Each structure stands twice: as structure tokens, then as C-alpha cells.
């Protein structure tokens, strides 16, 4: 896929642990599924609503897809749409930026950088 940037949402403590070790192995759900779940900017709001609804103390991780090499695969998921899945550990060095992912007054996540706008 040509999407340059992909995104992952995780608990702040998980990301802090990854920074200490240099690699992020994923959430408990990622580990159970065998890959780290990512979304494109267009998929982000729906992914947050489905998998992270109401969760606080999250961060949003932005990664340039090209930095992940062949371990990144685009596979069909919701409605047949292709989603980026990383089969391996996410190197902290591959991350472009990280931001808080707070809840807004409506209980939905407020995304940084102009990503995650409702479609």
C-alpha cells in the first residue's frame, strides 16, 4: 500500500515500557492476534470507537510505513478494507512522533495532527 503514515493506539504505560527497552511488542490483544494492529488516518476514528471506546491514558503513535519493511503486511479486515499489520516488534526508532490521545467532552478521542477525522 502507498499510505505513508500509519497509526497505533496504546496505553501510555505500554509505550513507556517500550521506550525503556527500545521495542514495542504490542498490547495484549496484539500479542493474542500475532501482530500489531495499525490503522491509516482514514481508519483511525472507527478503530478507536471499536477497540478503544472510552479508554483514557492512551497515546497515538505515528510511523512511516516504509520504515517497517516486509514485516508490515496489508490485510483485509473490517468490511474487506486493507489494514496494516506488523508481524514483529515495533522498533521505537521507527516511530516519527507520539501524542496524547485524550477523550473529548463527547467521550470520543480527540486526535492530534489533523488525523482521525470522521469520514
C-alpha atoms as a PDB file:
ATOM      1  CA  UNK A   1       0.000   0.000   0.000  1.00  0.00           C
ATOM      2  CA  UNK A   2       1.105   3.531  -0.662  1.00  0.00           C
ATOM      3  CA  UNK A   3      -0.129   5.096   2.592  1.00  0.00           C
ATOM      4  CA  UNK A   4       2.946   6.743   4.043  1.00  0.00           C
ATOM      5  CA  UNK A   5       1.826   7.090   7.648  1.00  0.00           C
ATOM      6  CA  UNK A   6       0.150   4.528   9.869  1.00  0.00           C
ATOM      7  CA  UNK A   7      -1.052   4.794  13.452  1.00  0.00           C
ATOM      8  CA  UNK A   8      -1.310   2.680  16.571  1.00  0.00           C
ATOM      9  CA  UNK A   9      -3.120   3.469  19.830  1.00  0.00           C
ATOM     10  CA  UNK A  10      -1.851   2.064  23.092  1.00  0.00           C
ATOM     11  CA  UNK A  11      -1.786   2.664  26.813  1.00  0.00           C
ATOM     12  CA  UNK A  12       0.748   5.226  27.952  1.00  0.00           C
ATOM     13  CA  UNK A  13       2.398   2.693  30.309  1.00  0.00           C
ATOM     14  CA  UNK A  14       2.874   0.231  27.424  1.00  0.00           C
ATOM     15  CA  UNK A  15       4.606   2.904  25.365  1.00  0.00           C
ATOM     16  CA  UNK A  16       6.788   3.994  28.275  1.00  0.00           C
ATOM     17  CA  UNK A  17       7.898   0.378  28.735  1.00  0.00           C
ATOM     18  CA  UNK A  18       8.718   0.187  25.010  1.00  0.00           C
ATOM     19  CA  UNK A  19      10.847   3.318  25.241  1.00  0.00           C
ATOM     20  CA  UNK A  20      12.842   1.733  28.046  1.00  0.00           C
ATOM     21  CA  UNK A  21      13.551  -1.423  26.013  1.00  0.00           C
ATOM     22  CA  UNK A  22      13.742   0.050  22.500  1.00  0.00           C
ATOM     23  CA  UNK A  23      10.880  -2.056  21.112  1.00  0.00           C
ATOM     24  CA  UNK A  24       7.111  -2.334  21.401  1.00  0.00           C
ATOM     25  CA  UNK A  25       5.701  -5.872  21.182  1.00  0.00           C
ATOM     26  CA  UNK A  26       2.076  -4.699  21.182  1.00  0.00           C
ATOM     27  CA  UNK A  27      -0.884  -4.741  23.515  1.00  0.00           C
ATOM     28  CA  UNK A  28      -2.262  -7.947  24.989  1.00  0.00           C
ATOM     29  CA  UNK A  29      -4.725  -8.070  22.072  1.00  0.00           C
ATOM     30  CA  UNK A  30      -1.910  -7.621  19.545  1.00  0.00           C
ATOM     31  CA  UNK A  31       0.061 -10.425  21.175  1.00  0.00           C
ATOM     32  CA  UNK A  32      -3.018 -12.689  21.112  1.00  0.00           C
ATOM     33  CA  UNK A  33      -3.588 -11.923  17.413  1.00  0.00           C
ATOM     34  CA  UNK A  34       0.071 -12.423  16.498  1.00  0.00           C
ATOM     35  CA  UNK A  35       0.631  -8.947  15.036  1.00  0.00           C
ATOM     36  CA  UNK A  36       0.466  -5.265  15.981  1.00  0.00           C
ATOM     37  CA  UNK A  37      -2.690  -3.569  14.713  1.00  0.00           C
ATOM     38  CA  UNK A  38      -2.258  -0.280  12.860  1.00  0.00           C
ATOM     39  CA  UNK A  39      -4.714   1.981  11.062  1.00  0.00           C
ATOM     40  CA  UNK A  40      -4.408   4.580   8.349  1.00  0.00           C
ATOM     41  CA  UNK A  41      -5.515   8.129   9.127  1.00  0.00           C
ATOM     42  CA  UNK A  42      -8.850   7.416   7.422  1.00  0.00           C
ATOM     43  CA  UNK A  43      -9.411   4.265   9.517  1.00  0.00           C
ATOM     44  CA  UNK A  44      -8.355   5.749  12.844  1.00  0.00           C
ATOM     45  CA  UNK A  45     -11.630   7.159  14.222  1.00  0.00           C
ATOM     46  CA  UNK A  46     -13.543   3.943  13.517  1.00  0.00           C
ATOM     47  CA  UNK A  47     -10.748   1.839  15.039  1.00  0.00           C
ATOM     48  CA  UNK A  48     -10.736   3.972  18.186  1.00  0.00           C
ATOM     49  CA  UNK A  49     -14.520   3.760  18.503  1.00  0.00           C
ATOM     50  CA  UNK A  50     -14.492  -0.014  18.045  1.00  0.00           C
ATOM     51  CA  UNK A  51     -11.427  -1.018  20.069  1.00  0.00           C
ATOM     52  CA  UNK A  52     -10.624   1.858  22.449  1.00  0.00           C
ATOM     53  CA  UNK A  53     -14.015   3.444  23.235  1.00  0.00           C
ATOM     54  CA  UNK A  54     -13.948   5.361  26.500  1.00  0.00           C
ATOM     55  CA  UNK A  55     -10.351   4.411  27.296  1.00  0.00           C
ATOM     56  CA  UNK A  56      -8.184   7.054  28.889  1.00  0.00           C
ATOM     57  CA  UNK A  57      -4.432   7.482  29.278  1.00  0.00           C
ATOM     58  CA  UNK A  58      -3.736   6.457  25.685  1.00  0.00           C
ATOM     59  CA  UNK A  59      -1.129   7.682  23.241  1.00  0.00           C
ATOM     60  CA  UNK A  60      -1.195   7.756  19.464  1.00  0.00           C
ATOM     61  CA  UNK A  61       1.924   6.513  17.708  1.00  0.00           C
ATOM     62  CA  UNK A  62       2.722   7.647  14.154  1.00  0.00           C
ATOM     63  CA  UNK A  63       5.019   5.531  11.978  1.00  0.00           C
ATOM     64  CA  UNK A  64       6.202   5.870   8.405  1.00  0.00           C
ATOM     65  CA  UNK A  65       5.115   2.554   6.901  1.00  0.00           C
ATOM     66  CA  UNK A  66       8.249   2.309   4.769  1.00  0.00           C
ATOM     67  CA  UNK A  67      10.386   2.109   7.933  1.00  0.00           C
ATOM     68  CA  UNK A  68       8.884  -1.278   8.827  1.00  0.00           C
ATOM     69  CA  UNK A  69       9.948  -3.297   5.801  1.00  0.00           C
ATOM     70  CA  UNK A  70       8.468  -6.682   4.912  1.00  0.00           C
ATOM     71  CA  UNK A  71       7.195  -7.314   8.463  1.00  0.00           C
ATOM     72  CA  UNK A  72       4.358  -4.891   7.625  1.00  0.00           C
ATOM     73  CA  UNK A  73       1.529  -6.526   5.713  1.00  0.00           C
ATOM     74  CA  UNK A  74      -1.687  -5.010   4.412  1.00  0.00           C
ATOM     75  CA  UNK A  75      -4.504  -7.449   5.117  1.00  0.00           C
ATOM     76  CA  UNK A  76      -8.292  -7.382   4.802  1.00  0.00           C
ATOM     77  CA  UNK A  77     -10.258  -6.675   7.956  1.00  0.00           C
ATOM     78  CA  UNK A  78     -13.448  -4.678   8.660  1.00  0.00           C
ATOM     79  CA  UNK A  79     -15.611  -4.749   5.563  1.00  0.00           C
ATOM     80  CA  UNK A  80     -12.738  -6.092   3.483  1.00  0.00           C
ATOM     81  CA  UNK A  81     -10.697  -2.882   3.874  1.00  0.00           C
ATOM     82  CA  UNK A  82      -6.942  -3.380   3.971  1.00  0.00           C
ATOM     83  CA  UNK A  83      -5.339  -2.653   7.333  1.00  0.00           C
ATOM     84  CA  UNK A  84      -1.622  -2.513   8.178  1.00  0.00           C
ATOM     85  CA  UNK A  85      -0.460  -5.309  10.470  1.00  0.00           C
ATOM     86  CA  UNK A  86       3.086  -5.543  11.802  1.00  0.00           C
ATOM     87  CA  UNK A  87       4.391  -9.084  12.317  1.00  0.00           C
ATOM     88  CA  UNK A  88       7.171  -8.333  14.741  1.00  0.00           C
ATOM     89  CA  UNK A  89       8.298  -5.818  17.310  1.00  0.00           C
ATOM     90  CA  UNK A  90       7.904  -2.128  16.519  1.00  0.00           C
ATOM     91  CA  UNK A  91      11.323  -0.503  16.937  1.00  0.00           C
ATOM     92  CA  UNK A  92      11.000   2.700  18.932  1.00  0.00           C
ATOM     93  CA  UNK A  93      13.447   4.266  16.462  1.00  0.00           C
ATOM     94  CA  UNK A  94      10.893   3.759  13.646  1.00  0.00           C
ATOM     95  CA  UNK A  95       8.331   5.998  15.347  1.00  0.00           C
ATOM     96  CA  UNK A  96       8.015   9.521  13.931  1.00  0.00           C
ATOM     97  CA  UNK A  97       6.036  11.031  16.786  1.00  0.00           C
ATOM     98  CA  UNK A  98       3.778  10.241  19.730  1.00  0.00           C
ATOM     99  CA  UNK A  99       0.977  12.322  21.220  1.00  0.00           C
ATOM    100  CA  UNK A 100      -1.603  12.060  23.966  1.00  0.00           C
ATOM    101  CA  UNK A 101      -4.982  10.718  22.859  1.00  0.00           C
ATOM    102  CA  UNK A 102      -7.476  12.312  25.253  1.00  0.00           C
ATOM    103  CA  UNK A 103     -11.233  11.944  25.352  1.00  0.00           C
ATOM    104  CA  UNK A 104     -13.298  14.941  24.318  1.00  0.00           C
ATOM    105  CA  UNK A 105     -16.459  16.154  26.070  1.00  0.00           C
ATOM    106  CA  UNK A 106     -18.497  13.788  23.876  1.00  0.00           C
ATOM    107  CA  UNK A 107     -16.495  10.775  25.113  1.00  0.00           C
ATOM    108  CA  UNK A 108     -14.740  10.258  21.781  1.00  0.00           C
ATOM    109  CA  UNK A 109     -10.990  10.501  21.297  1.00  0.00           C
ATOM    110  CA  UNK A 110      -9.500  13.794  20.154  1.00  0.00           C
ATOM    111  CA  UNK A 111      -6.802  13.129  17.558  1.00  0.00           C
ATOM    112  CA  UNK A 112      -3.673  15.238  17.082  1.00  0.00           C
ATOM    113  CA  UNK A 113      -2.060  16.348  13.833  1.00  0.00           C
ATOM    114  CA  UNK A 114      -5.347  16.563  11.901  1.00  0.00           C
ATOM    115  CA  UNK A 115      -5.676  12.778  11.613  1.00  0.00           C
ATOM    116  CA  UNK A 116      -8.642  10.628  12.554  1.00  0.00           C
ATOM    117  CA  UNK A 117     -11.316  12.985  11.296  1.00  0.00           C
ATOM    118  CA  UNK A 118     -14.693  11.333  10.921  1.00  0.00           C
ATOM    119  CA  UNK A 119     -15.458  10.196   7.409  1.00  0.00           C
END
